[in-house]
Amino acid sequence: MKVGIIGATGLAGRELIKIFEEKSLNGEITLLSRKKKGFIETEEAVYPVVPISKWEDFDIVFSAVEKEVSFELFKEHAKEKPVVIDFSSAFRELEDVPLVVPPVNGSVLEKRVSLIANPNCSTAGLVLVLDTIDKIVEIERVRVATYQSVSGAGRDALNEFFYESEFFILGKTPDSIDIFPEQIAGNVLPGIGEEEEGYYTEEKKIINETRKILEKEIDISAITVRVPTVRSHCEAVFIDLKNDFSDTIIDALNKSPYITFDKYPTPIKATGKDNVFVGRVLSPSLKHLQLFLCSDNLRRGASLNAFEIYELIKNKWF
């Protein structure tokens, strides 16, 4: 089977290559690029690079590039092959495009499709936790505040953060700020994406994607915050239940193969790990539950989820 990766030099693309290497599947992949040709070398392997225009020659294509590029490439894609797994937000809300977190709604891929959307990196970890709880006691309402690392905005944002940090340590103001609306080093930015009527695009993504993946019109609201950490996103989650809290919720979270129960979850603990780290689980009243979670935005929130989609469709369709 021929597998291609578009955007392999980005943060999520590099993490995807790393996962293939960990699974000893690096021989299956070819890299596609708009600019570079020849080969790209990692510590584990050397990968051929072919023009992005060749994407239709593959069986499965991962697209880890900006939504504008993905949309232009795949907006009319309806062929049986290749199956495209898209990381961007370009197609997530389209009714005929499955938005998939395999442990939660992998069953939507019973029927073969040409295009599959990977969720927002904060949504991916959140729905794994919400789905586990909802199967025990039905969820009525969710309020979530995210604390999202700089790497979620891409490699250029990370470079800007490191650049600003040098000035911040010296008590100086950086020469320029390009990626974020204000300095991120030593700061907290209370909104991610574009603002529209008081809400930010990242907040709408979490709300709409959670409903689509869980397949229910759950009452959910979110506020998204960018924080000066390098990797892994955190979320404070407040949940109203339709029935009284049960200790079986704790048992289910403990037993989930996708969740690591941790008394004090932090971004550093979650970085490089497959699981969502969950802690601070409290039930201050009979029908209320609150918790704190951390998950690696590049791994669990993006590339690992896409790889799990790949594993699922590889077994079903090829």
C-alpha atoms as a PDB file:
ATOM      1  CA  MET A   1       0.000   0.000   0.000  1.00  0.00           C
ATOM      2  CA  LYS A   2       1.252   3.478  -0.911  1.00  0.00           C
ATOM      3  CA  VAL A   3       0.960   6.051   1.882  1.00  0.00           C
ATOM      4  CA  GLY A   4       1.802   9.707   1.384  1.00  0.00           C
ATOM      5  CA  ILE A   5       2.291  12.557   3.867  1.00  0.00           C
ATOM      6  CA  ILE A   6       1.797  16.177   2.876  1.00  0.00           C
ATOM      7  CA  GLY A   7       3.274  18.652   5.346  1.00  0.00           C
ATOM      8  CA  ALA A   8       5.888  16.298   6.746  1.00  0.00           C
ATOM      9  CA  THR A   9       8.216  19.116   7.811  1.00  0.00           C
ATOM     10  CA  GLY A  10       5.604  20.753  10.086  1.00  0.00           C
ATOM     11  CA  LEU A  11       5.275  19.898  13.786  1.00  0.00           C
ATOM     12  CA  ALA A  12       2.337  17.499  13.370  1.00  0.00           C
ATOM     13  CA  GLY A  13       3.830  15.988  10.217  1.00  0.00           C
ATOM     14  CA  ARG A  14       7.112  15.239  11.949  1.00  0.00           C
ATOM     15  CA  GLU A  15       5.241  13.648  14.855  1.00  0.00           C
ATOM     16  CA  LEU A  16       3.341  11.458  12.390  1.00  0.00           C
ATOM     17  CA  ILE A  17       6.609  10.252  10.834  1.00  0.00           C
ATOM     18  CA  LYS A  18       7.885   9.497  14.347  1.00  0.00           C
ATOM     19  CA  ILE A  19       4.811   7.353  15.057  1.00  0.00           C
ATOM     20  CA  PHE A  20       5.293   5.379  11.831  1.00  0.00           C
ATOM     21  CA  GLU A  21       8.914   4.816  12.835  1.00  0.00           C
ATOM     22  CA  GLU A  22       7.914   3.657  16.326  1.00  0.00           C
ATOM     23  CA  LYS A  23       5.563   1.122  14.724  1.00  0.00           C
ATOM     24  CA  SER A  24       8.331   0.018  12.304  1.00  0.00           C
ATOM     25  CA  LEU A  25       6.132   1.116   9.393  1.00  0.00           C
ATOM     26  CA  ASN A  26       8.438   3.830   8.028  1.00  0.00           C
ATOM     27  CA  GLY A  27       8.959   1.818   4.851  1.00  0.00           C
ATOM     28  CA  GLU A  28       5.334   2.424   3.898  1.00  0.00           C
ATOM     29  CA  ILE A  29       5.469   6.215   3.601  1.00  0.00           C
ATOM     30  CA  THR A  30       6.510   8.736   0.968  1.00  0.00           C
ATOM     31  CA  LEU A  31       6.607  12.473   1.578  1.00  0.00           C
ATOM     32  CA  LEU A  32       4.892  14.959  -0.737  1.00  0.00           C
ATOM     33  CA  SER A  33       6.030  18.567  -0.948  1.00  0.00           C
ATOM     34  CA  ARG A  34       5.177  21.788  -2.785  1.00  0.00           C
ATOM     35  CA  LYS A  35       8.835  22.891  -2.802  1.00  0.00           C
ATOM     36  CA  LYS A  36      11.375  20.256  -1.793  1.00  0.00           C
ATOM     37  CA  LYS A  37      12.309  17.251  -3.949  1.00  0.00           C
ATOM     38  CA  GLY A  38      14.739  14.398  -3.390  1.00  0.00           C
ATOM     39  CA  PHE A  39      14.963  12.988   0.136  1.00  0.00           C
ATOM     40  CA  ILE A  40      14.387  13.931   3.791  1.00  0.00           C
ATOM     41  CA  GLU A  41      16.489  12.132   6.409  1.00  0.00           C
ATOM     42  CA  THR A  42      15.565  11.444  10.038  1.00  0.00           C
ATOM     43  CA  GLU A  43      17.523   9.535  12.681  1.00  0.00           C
ATOM     44  CA  GLU A  44      15.658   6.386  11.663  1.00  0.00           C
ATOM     45  CA  ALA A  45      15.298   6.507   7.898  1.00  0.00           C
ATOM     46  CA  VAL A  46      15.619   8.357   4.599  1.00  0.00           C
ATOM     47  CA  TYR A  47      12.340   9.213   2.887  1.00  0.00           C
ATOM     48  CA  PRO A  48      11.749   9.974  -0.778  1.00  0.00           C
ATOM     49  CA  VAL A  49      10.068  13.304  -1.497  1.00  0.00           C
ATOM     50  CA  VAL A  50       7.835  13.655  -4.549  1.00  0.00           C
ATOM     51  CA  PRO A  51       5.847  16.634  -5.883  1.00  0.00           C
ATOM     52  CA  ILE A  52       2.551  17.319  -4.152  1.00  0.00           C
ATOM     53  CA  SER A  53       0.844  17.047  -7.546  1.00  0.00           C
ATOM     54  CA  LYS A  54       1.382  13.263  -7.343  1.00  0.00           C
ATOM     55  CA  TRP A  55      -1.007  12.846  -4.375  1.00  0.00           C
ATOM     56  CA  GLU A  56      -3.594  10.996  -6.477  1.00  0.00           C
ATOM     57  CA  ASP A  57      -1.110   8.152  -7.064  1.00  0.00           C
ATOM     58  CA  PHE A  58      -1.385   6.983  -3.428  1.00  0.00           C
ATOM     59  CA  ASP A  59      -3.802   4.737  -1.526  1.00  0.00           C
ATOM     60  CA  ILE A  60      -3.908   6.869   1.638  1.00  0.00           C
ATOM     61  CA  VAL A  61      -2.745  10.470   2.006  1.00  0.00           C
ATOM     62  CA  PHE A  62      -2.255  12.377   5.250  1.00  0.00           C
ATOM     63  CA  SER A  63      -2.578  16.127   4.815  1.00  0.00           C
ATOM     64  CA  ALA A  64      -0.951  18.106   7.646  1.00  0.00           C
ATOM     65  CA  VAL A  65      -0.958  21.538   6.023  1.00  0.00           C
ATOM     66  CA  GLU A  66      -2.928  24.790   6.371  1.00  0.00           C
ATOM     67  CA  LYS A  67      -6.677  24.605   5.783  1.00  0.00           C
ATOM     68  CA  GLU A  68      -6.435  26.821   2.692  1.00  0.00           C
ATOM     69  CA  VAL A  69      -4.011  24.395   1.042  1.00  0.00           C
ATOM     70  CA  SER A  70      -6.060  21.327   1.997  1.00  0.00           C
ATOM     71  CA  PHE A  71      -9.258  22.924   0.773  1.00  0.00           C
ATOM     72  CA  GLU A  72      -7.731  23.798  -2.585  1.00  0.00           C
ATOM     73  CA  LEU A  73      -6.326  20.280  -3.016  1.00  0.00           C
ATOM     74  CA  PHE A  74      -9.285  18.200  -1.878  1.00  0.00           C
ATOM     75  CA  LYS A  75     -12.450  20.314  -2.206  1.00  0.00           C
ATOM     76  CA  GLU A  76     -13.626  18.258  -5.196  1.00  0.00           C
ATOM     77  CA  HIS A  77     -12.069  14.948  -4.206  1.00  0.00           C
ATOM     78  CA  ALA A  78     -14.645  12.186  -4.471  1.00  0.00           C
ATOM     79  CA  LYS A  79     -12.679   9.250  -5.839  1.00  0.00           C
ATOM     80  CA  GLU A  80     -12.385   5.946  -3.986  1.00  0.00           C
ATOM     81  CA  LYS A  81      -8.599   6.309  -3.943  1.00  0.00           C
ATOM     82  CA  PRO A  82      -6.700   7.859  -2.305  1.00  0.00           C
ATOM     83  CA  VAL A  83      -8.432   8.148   1.033  1.00  0.00           C
ATOM     84  CA  VAL A  84      -7.392  11.516   2.478  1.00  0.00           C
ATOM     85  CA  ILE A  85      -6.984  12.029   6.241  1.00  0.00           C
ATOM     86  CA  ASP A  86      -6.973  15.789   6.709  1.00  0.00           C
ATOM     87  CA  PHE A  87      -5.549  17.473   9.829  1.00  0.00           C
ATOM     88  CA  SER A  88      -6.957  20.934   9.146  1.00  0.00           C
ATOM     89  CA  SER A  89     -10.324  22.516   9.924  1.00  0.00           C
ATOM     90  CA  ALA A  90     -11.198  22.804   6.220  1.00  0.00           C
ATOM     91  CA  PHE A  91     -13.748  19.972   6.127  1.00  0.00           C
ATOM     92  CA  ARG A  92     -14.602  19.145   9.750  1.00  0.00           C
ATOM     93  CA  GLU A  93     -18.046  20.696   9.803  1.00  0.00           C
ATOM     94  CA  LEU A  94     -19.208  19.397   6.422  1.00  0.00           C
ATOM     95  CA  GLU A  95     -22.070  16.959   6.882  1.00  0.00           C
ATOM     96  CA  ASP A  96     -20.760  14.395   4.409  1.00  0.00           C
ATOM     97  CA  VAL A  97     -17.200  14.332   5.816  1.00  0.00           C
ATOM     98  CA  PRO A  98     -16.701  12.055   8.855  1.00  0.00           C
ATOM     99  CA  LEU A  99     -14.952  13.724  11.811  1.00  0.00           C
ATOM    100  CA  VAL A 100     -13.387  10.825  13.652  1.00  0.00           C
ATOM    101  CA  VAL A 101     -11.837   9.920  16.988  1.00  0.00           C
ATOM    102  CA  PRO A 102     -11.630   6.124  16.503  1.00  0.00           C
ATOM    103  CA  PRO A 103     -12.244   5.002  20.135  1.00  0.00           C
ATOM    104  CA  VAL A 104     -15.356   7.213  20.270  1.00  0.00           C
ATOM    105  CA  ASN A 105     -17.017   7.117  16.849  1.00  0.00           C
ATOM    106  CA  GLY A 106     -14.890   4.868  14.661  1.00  0.00           C
ATOM    107  CA  SER A 107     -18.090   3.072  13.621  1.00  0.00           C
ATOM    108  CA  VAL A 108     -18.910   5.967  11.257  1.00  0.00           C
ATOM    109  CA  LEU A 109     -16.225   4.536   8.978  1.00  0.00           C
ATOM    110  CA  GLU A 110     -18.136   1.339   8.222  1.00  0.00           C
ATOM    111  CA  LYS A 111     -18.850   2.840   4.820  1.00  0.00           C
ATOM    112  CA  ARG A 112     -15.886   3.779   2.640  1.00  0.00           C
ATOM    113  CA  VAL A 113     -15.383   7.490   2.009  1.00  0.00           C
ATOM    114  CA  SER A 114     -12.775   9.536   0.154  1.00  0.00           C
ATOM    115  CA  LEU A 115     -12.124  12.179   2.818  1.00  0.00           C
ATOM    116  CA  ILE A 116     -11.861  11.951   6.637  1.00  0.00           C
ATOM    117  CA  ALA A 117     -11.340  14.890   8.983  1.00  0.00           C
ATOM    118  CA  ASN A 118      -9.040  14.805  12.005  1.00  0.00           C
ATOM    119  CA  PRO A 119     -10.382  16.869  14.946  1.00  0.00           C
ATOM    120  CA  ASN A 120      -9.043  19.956  16.669  1.00  0.00           C
ATOM    121  CA  CYS A 121      -6.229  19.028  19.070  1.00  0.00           C
ATOM    122  CA  SER A 122      -8.210  20.157  22.150  1.00  0.00           C
ATOM    123  CA  THR A 123     -11.371  18.380  21.012  1.00  0.00           C
ATOM    124  CA  ALA A 124      -9.580  15.050  20.523  1.00  0.00           C
ATOM    125  CA  GLY A 125      -8.582  14.706  24.183  1.00  0.00           C
ATOM    126  CA  LEU A 126     -11.811  16.163  25.524  1.00  0.00           C
ATOM    127  CA  VAL A 127     -14.168  13.761  23.725  1.00  0.00           C
ATOM    128  CA  LEU A 128     -12.235  10.703  24.908  1.00  0.00           C
ATOM    129  CA  VAL A 129     -13.001  11.782  28.478  1.00  0.00           C
ATOM    130  CA  LEU A 130     -16.582  12.962  27.876  1.00  0.00           C
ATOM    131  CA  ASP A 131     -17.517   9.778  26.015  1.00  0.00           C
ATOM    132  CA  THR A 132     -16.212   7.625  28.865  1.00  0.00           C
ATOM    133  CA  ILE A 133     -18.298   9.581  31.395  1.00  0.00           C
ATOM    134  CA  ASP A 134     -21.422   9.786  29.226  1.00  0.00           C
ATOM    135  CA  LYS A 135     -21.571   6.006  28.922  1.00  0.00           C
ATOM    136  CA  ILE A 136     -21.882   5.760  32.721  1.00  0.00           C
ATOM    137  CA  VAL A 137     -24.028   8.800  33.563  1.00  0.00           C
ATOM    138  CA  GLU A 138     -25.514  10.902  30.779  1.00  0.00           C
ATOM    139  CA  ILE A 139     -23.997  14.349  30.438  1.00  0.00           C
ATOM    140  CA  GLU A 140     -26.351  17.321  30.404  1.00  0.00           C
ATOM    141  CA  ARG A 141     -23.992  20.303  30.147  1.00  0.00           C
ATOM    142  CA  VAL A 142     -20.264  20.970  29.681  1.00  0.00           C
ATOM    143  CA  ARG A 143     -18.238  24.091  30.350  1.00  0.00           C
ATOM    144  CA  VAL A 144     -14.565  24.001  29.390  1.00  0.00           C
ATOM    145  CA  ALA A 145     -11.611  26.374  29.640  1.00  0.00           C
ATOM    146  CA  THR A 146      -8.523  25.429  27.665  1.00  0.00           C
ATOM    147  CA  TYR A 147      -4.888  26.303  28.336  1.00  0.00           C
ATOM    148  CA  GLN A 148      -3.219  25.681  24.985  1.00  0.00           C
ATOM    149  CA  SER A 149       0.497  25.520  24.309  1.00  0.00           C
ATOM    150  CA  VAL A 150       2.306  27.589  21.703  1.00  0.00           C
ATOM    151  CA  SER A 151       3.082  24.598  19.461  1.00  0.00           C
ATOM    152  CA  GLY A 152      -0.634  24.407  18.697  1.00  0.00           C
ATOM    153  CA  ALA A 153      -0.137  27.483  16.513  1.00  0.00           C
ATOM    154  CA  GLY A 154       2.666  25.897  14.490  1.00  0.00           C
ATOM    155  CA  ARG A 155       6.418  26.025  14.072  1.00  0.00           C
ATOM    156  CA  ASP A 156       6.626  29.761  13.329  1.00  0.00           C
ATOM    157  CA  ALA A 157       4.690  30.522  16.523  1.00  0.00           C
ATOM    158  CA  LEU A 158       7.056  28.331  18.519  1.00  0.00           C
ATOM    159  CA  ASN A 159      10.063  30.125  17.053  1.00  0.00           C
ATOM    160  CA  GLU A 160       8.501  33.471  17.930  1.00  0.00           C
ATOM    161  CA  PHE A 161       7.892  32.285  21.494  1.00  0.00           C
ATOM    162  CA  PHE A 162      11.553  31.311  21.913  1.00  0.00           C
ATOM    163  CA  TYR A 163      12.650  34.631  20.406  1.00  0.00           C
ATOM    164  CA  GLU A 164      10.365  36.628  22.740  1.00  0.00           C
ATOM    165  CA  SER A 165      11.476  34.603  25.749  1.00  0.00           C
ATOM    166  CA  GLU A 166      15.046  35.868  25.379  1.00  0.00           C
ATOM    167  CA  PHE A 167      13.792  39.450  25.651  1.00  0.00           C
ATOM    168  CA  PHE A 168      11.407  38.590  28.498  1.00  0.00           C
ATOM    169  CA  ILE A 169      14.201  37.096  30.619  1.00  0.00           C
ATOM    170  CA  LEU A 170      16.121  40.361  30.214  1.00  0.00           C
ATOM    171  CA  GLY A 171      13.081  42.458  31.070  1.00  0.00           C
ATOM    172  CA  LYS A 172      12.895  43.887  27.572  1.00  0.00           C
ATOM    173  CA  THR A 173      10.197  44.143  24.897  1.00  0.00           C
ATOM    174  CA  PRO A 174      10.772  42.109  21.704  1.00  0.00           C
ATOM    175  CA  ASP A 175      11.523  43.972  18.482  1.00  0.00           C
ATOM    176  CA  SER A 176       8.462  42.569  16.689  1.00  0.00           C
ATOM    177  CA  ILE A 177       5.380  40.423  17.237  1.00  0.00           C
ATOM    178  CA  ASP A 178       4.054  38.642  14.144  1.00  0.00           C
ATOM    179  CA  ILE A 179       2.098  35.475  14.966  1.00  0.00           C
ATOM    180  CA  PHE A 180       0.014  36.383  18.021  1.00  0.00           C
ATOM    181  CA  PRO A 181      -1.929  39.586  18.724  1.00  0.00           C
ATOM    182  CA  GLU A 182       0.295  40.277  21.729  1.00  0.00           C
ATOM    183  CA  GLN A 183       3.525  38.936  23.213  1.00  0.00           C
ATOM    184  CA  ILE A 184       3.129  35.330  24.379  1.00  0.00           C
ATOM    185  CA  ALA A 185       6.350  34.971  26.413  1.00  0.00           C
ATOM    186  CA  GLY A 186       5.457  35.492  30.077  1.00  0.00           C
ATOM    187  CA  ASN A 187       1.868  36.214  29.086  1.00  0.00           C
ATOM    188  CA  VAL A 188      -1.581  34.618  28.711  1.00  0.00           C
ATOM    189  CA  LEU A 189      -3.779  35.375  25.685  1.00  0.00           C
ATOM    190  CA  PRO A 190      -7.536  34.955  26.392  1.00  0.00           C
ATOM    191  CA  GLY A 191      -8.655  34.019  22.899  1.00  0.00           C
ATOM    192  CA  ILE A 192      -7.399  31.779  20.088  1.00  0.00           C
ATOM    193  CA  GLY A 193      -8.090  32.306  16.423  1.00  0.00           C
ATOM    194  CA  GLU A 194     -10.262  35.004  14.909  1.00  0.00           C
ATOM    195  CA  GLU A 195     -12.821  36.881  16.995  1.00  0.00           C
ATOM    196  CA  GLU A 196     -16.421  36.980  15.836  1.00  0.00           C
ATOM    197  CA  GLU A 197     -19.186  38.470  18.006  1.00  0.00           C
ATOM    198  CA  GLY A 198     -17.120  37.927  21.149  1.00  0.00           C
ATOM    199  CA  TYR A 199     -16.311  34.289  20.461  1.00  0.00           C
ATOM    200  CA  TYR A 200     -13.105  32.961  18.947  1.00  0.00           C
ATOM    201  CA  THR A 201     -12.846  30.371  16.181  1.00  0.00           C
ATOM    202  CA  GLU A 202     -11.080  27.878  18.446  1.00  0.00           C
ATOM    203  CA  GLU A 203     -14.046  27.964  20.834  1.00  0.00           C
ATOM    204  CA  LYS A 204     -16.492  27.287  18.014  1.00  0.00           C
ATOM    205  CA  LYS A 205     -14.363  24.385  16.832  1.00  0.00           C
ATOM    206  CA  ILE A 206     -14.499  22.706  20.239  1.00  0.00           C
ATOM    207  CA  ILE A 207     -18.252  23.208  20.548  1.00  0.00           C
ATOM    208  CA  ASN A 208     -19.228  22.087  17.044  1.00  0.00           C
ATOM    209  CA  GLU A 209     -16.728  19.236  16.791  1.00  0.00           C
ATOM    210  CA  THR A 210     -17.647  17.781  20.192  1.00  0.00           C
ATOM    211  CA  ARG A 211     -21.309  17.645  19.170  1.00  0.00           C
ATOM    212  CA  LYS A 212     -20.496  16.019  15.846  1.00  0.00           C
ATOM    213  CA  ILE A 213     -18.170  13.371  17.287  1.00  0.00           C
ATOM    214  CA  LEU A 214     -20.441  12.488  20.218  1.00  0.00           C
ATOM    215  CA  GLU A 215     -23.446  12.580  17.874  1.00  0.00           C
ATOM    216  CA  LYS A 216     -25.580  14.569  20.292  1.00  0.00           C
ATOM    217  CA  GLU A 217     -26.581  18.219  20.670  1.00  0.00           C
ATOM    218  CA  ILE A 218     -24.789  18.542  23.965  1.00  0.00           C
ATOM    219  CA  ASP A 219     -25.023  21.884  25.781  1.00  0.00           C
ATOM    220  CA  ILE A 220     -21.386  22.984  25.690  1.00  0.00           C
ATOM    221  CA  SER A 221     -19.498  26.256  25.859  1.00  0.00           C
ATOM    222  CA  ALA A 222     -15.773  26.971  25.829  1.00  0.00           C
ATOM    223  CA  ILE A 223     -13.215  29.673  26.401  1.00  0.00           C
ATOM    224  CA  THR A 224      -9.809  29.095  24.821  1.00  0.00           C
ATOM    225  CA  VAL A 225      -6.573  30.515  26.200  1.00  0.00           C
ATOM    226  CA  ARG A 226      -3.042  30.476  24.809  1.00  0.00           C
ATOM    227  CA  VAL A 227      -0.410  29.975  27.518  1.00  0.00           C
ATOM    228  CA  PRO A 228       3.422  30.231  27.373  1.00  0.00           C
ATOM    229  CA  THR A 229       4.186  26.506  27.393  1.00  0.00           C
ATOM    230  CA  VAL A 230       5.835  24.607  24.557  1.00  0.00           C
ATOM    231  CA  ARG A 231       3.728  21.486  24.143  1.00  0.00           C
ATOM    232  CA  SER A 232       0.534  19.770  25.399  1.00  0.00           C
ATOM    233  CA  HIS A 233      -2.841  21.411  25.958  1.00  0.00           C
ATOM    234  CA  CYS A 234      -4.736  21.442  29.252  1.00  0.00           C
ATOM    235  CA  GLU A 235      -8.439  21.838  29.947  1.00  0.00           C
ATOM    236  CA  ALA A 236     -10.515  22.558  33.024  1.00  0.00           C
ATOM    237  CA  VAL A 237     -13.832  20.802  32.464  1.00  0.00           C
ATOM    238  CA  PHE A 238     -17.067  21.348  34.396  1.00  0.00           C
ATOM    239  CA  ILE A 239     -19.821  18.820  33.759  1.00  0.00           C
ATOM    240  CA  ASP A 240     -23.481  18.746  34.797  1.00  0.00           C
ATOM    241  CA  LEU A 241     -24.953  15.247  34.878  1.00  0.00           C
ATOM    242  CA  LYS A 242     -28.556  14.198  34.276  1.00  0.00           C
ATOM    243  CA  ASN A 243     -28.383  11.802  37.205  1.00  0.00           C
ATOM    244  CA  ASP A 244     -26.376  11.667  40.426  1.00  0.00           C
ATOM    245  CA  PHE A 245     -22.630  11.235  40.288  1.00  0.00           C
ATOM    246  CA  SER A 246     -21.467   7.638  40.631  1.00  0.00           C
ATOM    247  CA  ASP A 247     -18.086   6.243  41.658  1.00  0.00           C
ATOM    248  CA  THR A 248     -18.326   4.018  38.594  1.00  0.00           C
ATOM    249  CA  ILE A 249     -17.326   7.113  36.596  1.00  0.00           C
ATOM    250  CA  ILE A 250     -13.960   7.074  38.376  1.00  0.00           C
ATOM    251  CA  ASP A 251     -13.640   3.358  37.715  1.00  0.00           C
ATOM    252  CA  ALA A 252     -14.375   3.843  34.017  1.00  0.00           C
ATOM    253  CA  LEU A 253     -11.813   6.642  33.697  1.00  0.00           C
ATOM    254  CA  ASN A 254      -9.247   4.475  35.497  1.00  0.00           C
ATOM    255  CA  LYS A 255      -9.875   1.504  33.231  1.00  0.00           C
ATOM    256  CA  SER A 256      -9.893   3.365  29.930  1.00  0.00           C
ATOM    257  CA  PRO A 257      -6.862   2.394  27.807  1.00  0.00           C
ATOM    258  CA  TYR A 258      -6.766   5.973  26.493  1.00  0.00           C
ATOM    259  CA  ILE A 259      -6.706   7.748  29.860  1.00  0.00           C
ATOM    260  CA  THR A 260      -3.998   7.941  32.510  1.00  0.00           C
ATOM    261  CA  PHE A 261      -5.347   8.868  35.921  1.00  0.00           C
ATOM    262  CA  ASP A 262      -2.942  11.280  37.599  1.00  0.00           C
ATOM    263  CA  LYS A 263      -3.435  13.188  40.843  1.00  0.00           C
ATOM    264  CA  TYR A 264      -1.662  16.254  39.447  1.00  0.00           C
ATOM    265  CA  PRO A 265      -1.697  16.242  35.611  1.00  0.00           C
ATOM    266  CA  THR A 266       0.658  18.673  33.884  1.00  0.00           C
ATOM    267  CA  PRO A 267       1.738  19.410  30.284  1.00  0.00           C
ATOM    268  CA  ILE A 268       5.210  18.015  30.912  1.00  0.00           C
ATOM    269  CA  LYS A 269       3.777  14.677  32.059  1.00  0.00           C
ATOM    270  CA  ALA A 270       1.547  14.435  28.988  1.00  0.00           C
ATOM    271  CA  THR A 271       4.186  15.423  26.424  1.00  0.00           C
ATOM    272  CA  GLY A 272       5.234  12.518  24.237  1.00  0.00           C
ATOM    273  CA  LYS A 273       2.544  10.249  25.702  1.00  0.00           C
ATOM    274  CA  ASP A 274      -0.352   8.561  23.926  1.00  0.00           C
ATOM    275  CA  ASN A 275      -2.913   8.997  26.691  1.00  0.00           C
ATOM    276  CA  VAL A 276      -4.961  11.863  28.053  1.00  0.00           C
ATOM    277  CA  PHE A 277      -3.865  12.618  31.619  1.00  0.00           C
ATOM    278  CA  VAL A 278      -6.840  13.246  33.926  1.00  0.00           C
ATOM    279  CA  GLY A 279      -6.867  14.437  37.530  1.00  0.00           C
ATOM    280  CA  ARG A 280      -8.447  16.820  40.036  1.00  0.00           C
ATOM    281  CA  VAL A 281     -11.694  14.872  39.674  1.00  0.00           C
ATOM    282  CA  LEU A 282     -14.219  16.368  42.077  1.00  0.00           C
ATOM    283  CA  SER A 283     -17.950  16.072  42.604  1.00  0.00           C
ATOM    284  CA  PRO A 284     -18.962  19.137  44.661  1.00  0.00           C
ATOM    285  CA  SER A 285     -22.642  18.251  44.295  1.00  0.00           C
ATOM    286  CA  LEU A 286     -24.673  15.191  43.322  1.00  0.00           C
ATOM    287  CA  LYS A 287     -25.134  16.131  39.685  1.00  0.00           C
ATOM    288  CA  HIS A 288     -21.872  17.929  39.060  1.00  0.00           C
ATOM    289  CA  LEU A 289     -18.374  16.778  38.134  1.00  0.00           C
ATOM    290  CA  GLN A 290     -15.219  18.742  37.461  1.00  0.00           C
ATOM    291  CA  LEU A 291     -11.782  17.628  36.329  1.00  0.00           C
ATOM    292  CA  PHE A 292      -8.508  18.764  34.782  1.00  0.00           C
ATOM    293  CA  LEU A 293      -6.946  17.091  31.762  1.00  0.00           C
ATOM    294  CA  CYS A 294      -3.723  17.385  29.786  1.00  0.00           C
ATOM    295  CA  SER A 295      -2.882  15.797  26.454  1.00  0.00           C
ATOM    296  CA  ASP A 296      -0.093  16.143  23.935  1.00  0.00           C
ATOM    297  CA  ASN A 297      -1.557  18.340  21.200  1.00  0.00           C
ATOM    298  CA  LEU A 298       0.865  17.142  18.533  1.00  0.00           C
ATOM    299  CA  ARG A 299       0.573  13.459  19.411  1.00  0.00           C
ATOM    300  CA  ARG A 300      -2.777  12.507  20.994  1.00  0.00           C
ATOM    301  CA  GLY A 301      -4.496  15.623  19.664  1.00  0.00           C
ATOM    302  CA  ALA A 302      -3.326  15.299  16.075  1.00  0.00           C
ATOM    303  CA  SER A 303      -0.899  12.715  14.684  1.00  0.00           C
ATOM    304  CA  LEU A 304      -1.750   9.709  16.847  1.00  0.00           C
ATOM    305  CA  ASN A 305      -5.465  10.194  16.226  1.00  0.00           C
ATOM    306  CA  ALA A 306      -4.781  10.365  12.475  1.00  0.00           C
ATOM    307  CA  PHE A 307      -2.646   7.222  12.701  1.00  0.00           C
ATOM    308  CA  GLU A 308      -5.461   5.421  14.535  1.00  0.00           C
ATOM    309  CA  ILE A 309      -7.795   6.395  11.692  1.00  0.00           C
ATOM    310  CA  TYR A 310      -5.229   4.983   9.283  1.00  0.00           C
ATOM    311  CA  GLU A 311      -5.050   1.699  11.193  1.00  0.00           C
ATOM    312  CA  LEU A 312      -8.836   1.451  11.234  1.00  0.00           C
ATOM    313  CA  ILE A 313      -9.386   2.012   7.519  1.00  0.00           C
ATOM    314  CA  LYS A 314      -6.336  -0.011   6.515  1.00  0.00           C
ATOM    315  CA  ASN A 315      -7.910  -3.074   8.121  1.00  0.00           C
ATOM    316  CA  LYS A 316     -11.394  -2.326   6.798  1.00  0.00           C
ATOM    317  CA  TRP A 317     -10.833  -1.066   3.266  1.00  0.00           C
ATOM    318  CA  PHE A 318      -7.484  -2.360   1.999  1.00  0.00           C
END
